[in-house]
C-alpha atoms as a PDB file:
ATOM      1  CA  MET A   1      63.603  96.343 117.187  1.00  0.00           C
ATOM      2  CA  THR A   2      64.690  97.300 120.687  1.00  0.00           C
ATOM      3  CA  ASP A   3      68.226  97.769 121.977  1.00  0.00           C
ATOM      4  CA  ASP A   4      67.456  95.982 125.259  1.00  0.00           C
ATOM      5  CA  ALA A   5      69.360  92.718 125.039  1.00  0.00           C
ATOM      6  CA  PRO A   6      68.076  89.887 127.227  1.00  0.00           C
ATOM      7  CA  ALA A   7      70.145  87.689 129.507  1.00  0.00           C
ATOM      8  CA  CYS A   8      71.481  84.476 127.989  1.00  0.00           C
ATOM      9  CA  PRO A   9      68.999  81.636 128.637  1.00  0.00           C
ATOM     10  CA  GLU A  10      71.887  79.212 129.148  1.00  0.00           C
ATOM     11  CA  CYS A  11      74.244  81.119 131.485  1.00  0.00           C
ATOM     12  CA  SER A  12      72.313  84.312 132.443  1.00  0.00           C
ATOM     13  CA  GLN A  13      75.106  86.626 131.237  1.00  0.00           C
ATOM     14  CA  PRO A  14      74.083  89.774 129.369  1.00  0.00           C
ATOM     15  CA  MET A  15      74.021  89.372 125.611  1.00  0.00           C
ATOM     16  CA  LYS A  16      75.253  91.781 122.946  1.00  0.00           C
ATOM     17  CA  SER A  17      73.947  92.265 119.468  1.00  0.00           C
ATOM     18  CA  GLY A  18      76.000  90.394 116.875  1.00  0.00           C
ATOM     19  CA  GLY A  19      74.388  91.870 113.764  1.00  0.00           C
ATOM     20  CA  VAL A  20      71.746  90.523 111.413  1.00  0.00           C
ATOM     21  CA  VAL A  21      71.530  87.679 108.902  1.00  0.00           C
ATOM     22  CA  LEU A  22      69.141  87.587 105.947  1.00  0.00           C
ATOM     23  CA  VAL A  23      67.400  84.195 105.678  1.00  0.00           C
ATOM     24  CA  LYS A  24      64.248  82.711 104.173  1.00  0.00           C
ATOM     25  CA  ARG A  25      61.571  82.071 106.766  1.00  0.00           C
ATOM     26  CA  GLU A  26      59.943  78.670 106.252  1.00  0.00           C
ATOM     27  CA  ASP A  27      56.505  79.450 107.691  1.00  0.00           C
ATOM     28  CA  ASP A  28      55.678  82.272 105.237  1.00  0.00           C
ATOM     29  CA  GLY A  29      58.424  82.035 102.579  1.00  0.00           C
ATOM     30  CA  ARG A  30      59.587  85.632 103.139  1.00  0.00           C
ATOM     31  CA  ARG A  31      63.227  86.688 103.180  1.00  0.00           C
ATOM     32  CA  THR A  32      63.643  88.272 106.575  1.00  0.00           C
ATOM     33  CA  CYS A  33      66.480  89.198 108.923  1.00  0.00           C
ATOM     34  CA  ARG A  34      67.377  87.334 112.074  1.00  0.00           C
ATOM     35  CA  ARG A  35      69.002  89.352 114.845  1.00  0.00           C
ATOM     36  CA  LEU A  36      72.035  87.607 116.334  1.00  0.00           C
ATOM     37  CA  LEU A  37      72.755  87.851 120.061  1.00  0.00           C
ATOM     38  CA  ARG A  38      75.722  86.392 121.904  1.00  0.00           C
ATOM     39  CA  CYS A  39      77.087  86.341 125.436  1.00  0.00           C
ATOM     40  CA  ALA A  40      80.572  86.236 126.912  1.00  0.00           C
ATOM     41  CA  GLY A  41      80.084  82.478 127.396  1.00  0.00           C
ATOM     42  CA  LEU A  42      80.127  82.072 123.568  1.00  0.00           C
ATOM     43  CA  HIS A  43      76.464  81.090 123.343  1.00  0.00           C
ATOM     44  CA  VAL A  44      74.858  82.378 120.133  1.00  0.00           C
ATOM     45  CA  TRP A  45      71.112  82.939 119.859  1.00  0.00           C
ATOM     46  CA  TRP A  46      68.876  84.545 117.286  1.00  0.00           C
ATOM     47  CA  ARG A  47      65.323  85.726 116.751  1.00  0.00           C
ATOM     48  CA  TRP A  48      63.347  87.208 113.888  1.00  0.00           C
ATOM     49  CA  ALA A  49      64.099  90.927 113.610  1.00  0.00           C
ATOM     50  CA  ASP A  50      60.481  91.674 112.699  1.00  0.00           C
ATOM     51  CA  ARG A  51      59.221  89.675 115.701  1.00  0.00           C
ATOM     52  CA  PRO A  52      61.163  91.139 118.673  1.00  0.00           C
ATOM     53  CA  GLU A  53      58.725  89.614 121.176  1.00  0.00           C
ATOM     54  CA  GLY A  54      59.353  86.154 119.709  1.00  0.00           C
ATOM     55  CA  PRO A  55      61.405  83.517 121.461  1.00  0.00           C
ATOM     56  CA  LEU A  56      65.174  83.312 121.300  1.00  0.00           C
ATOM     57  CA  GLU A  57      66.321  80.271 119.360  1.00  0.00           C
ATOM     58  CA  THR A  58      69.693  78.579 119.508  1.00  0.00           C
ATOM     59  CA  CYS A  59      71.642  79.478 116.387  1.00  0.00           C
ATOM     60  CA  PRO A  60      72.257  76.233 114.449  1.00  0.00           C
ATOM     61  CA  MET A  61      75.671  77.407 113.164  1.00  0.00           C
ATOM     62  CA  PRO A  62      77.282  79.458 115.948  1.00  0.00           C
ATOM     63  CA  GLU A  63      80.823  78.873 114.649  1.00  0.00           C
ATOM     64  CA  LEU A  64      80.044  81.219 111.737  1.00  0.00           C
ATOM     65  CA  PHE A  65      79.331  84.153 114.075  1.00  0.00           C
ATOM     66  CA  ARG A  66      82.013  84.091 116.764  1.00  0.00           C
END
């Protein structure tokens, strides 16, 4: 996992790490962490921690991580 946070896809502001969440991944059934990222514009994104090159996905429950 790298420390280089990308720019927010919605507003282009720099994002900061918001921690990790342990969830069950549907495609392989493994319990794996998702890395949370958020920007100053209150957009919350996440990606699989073990797939740092993977796409950012909109977090479906951002109100839990603000």
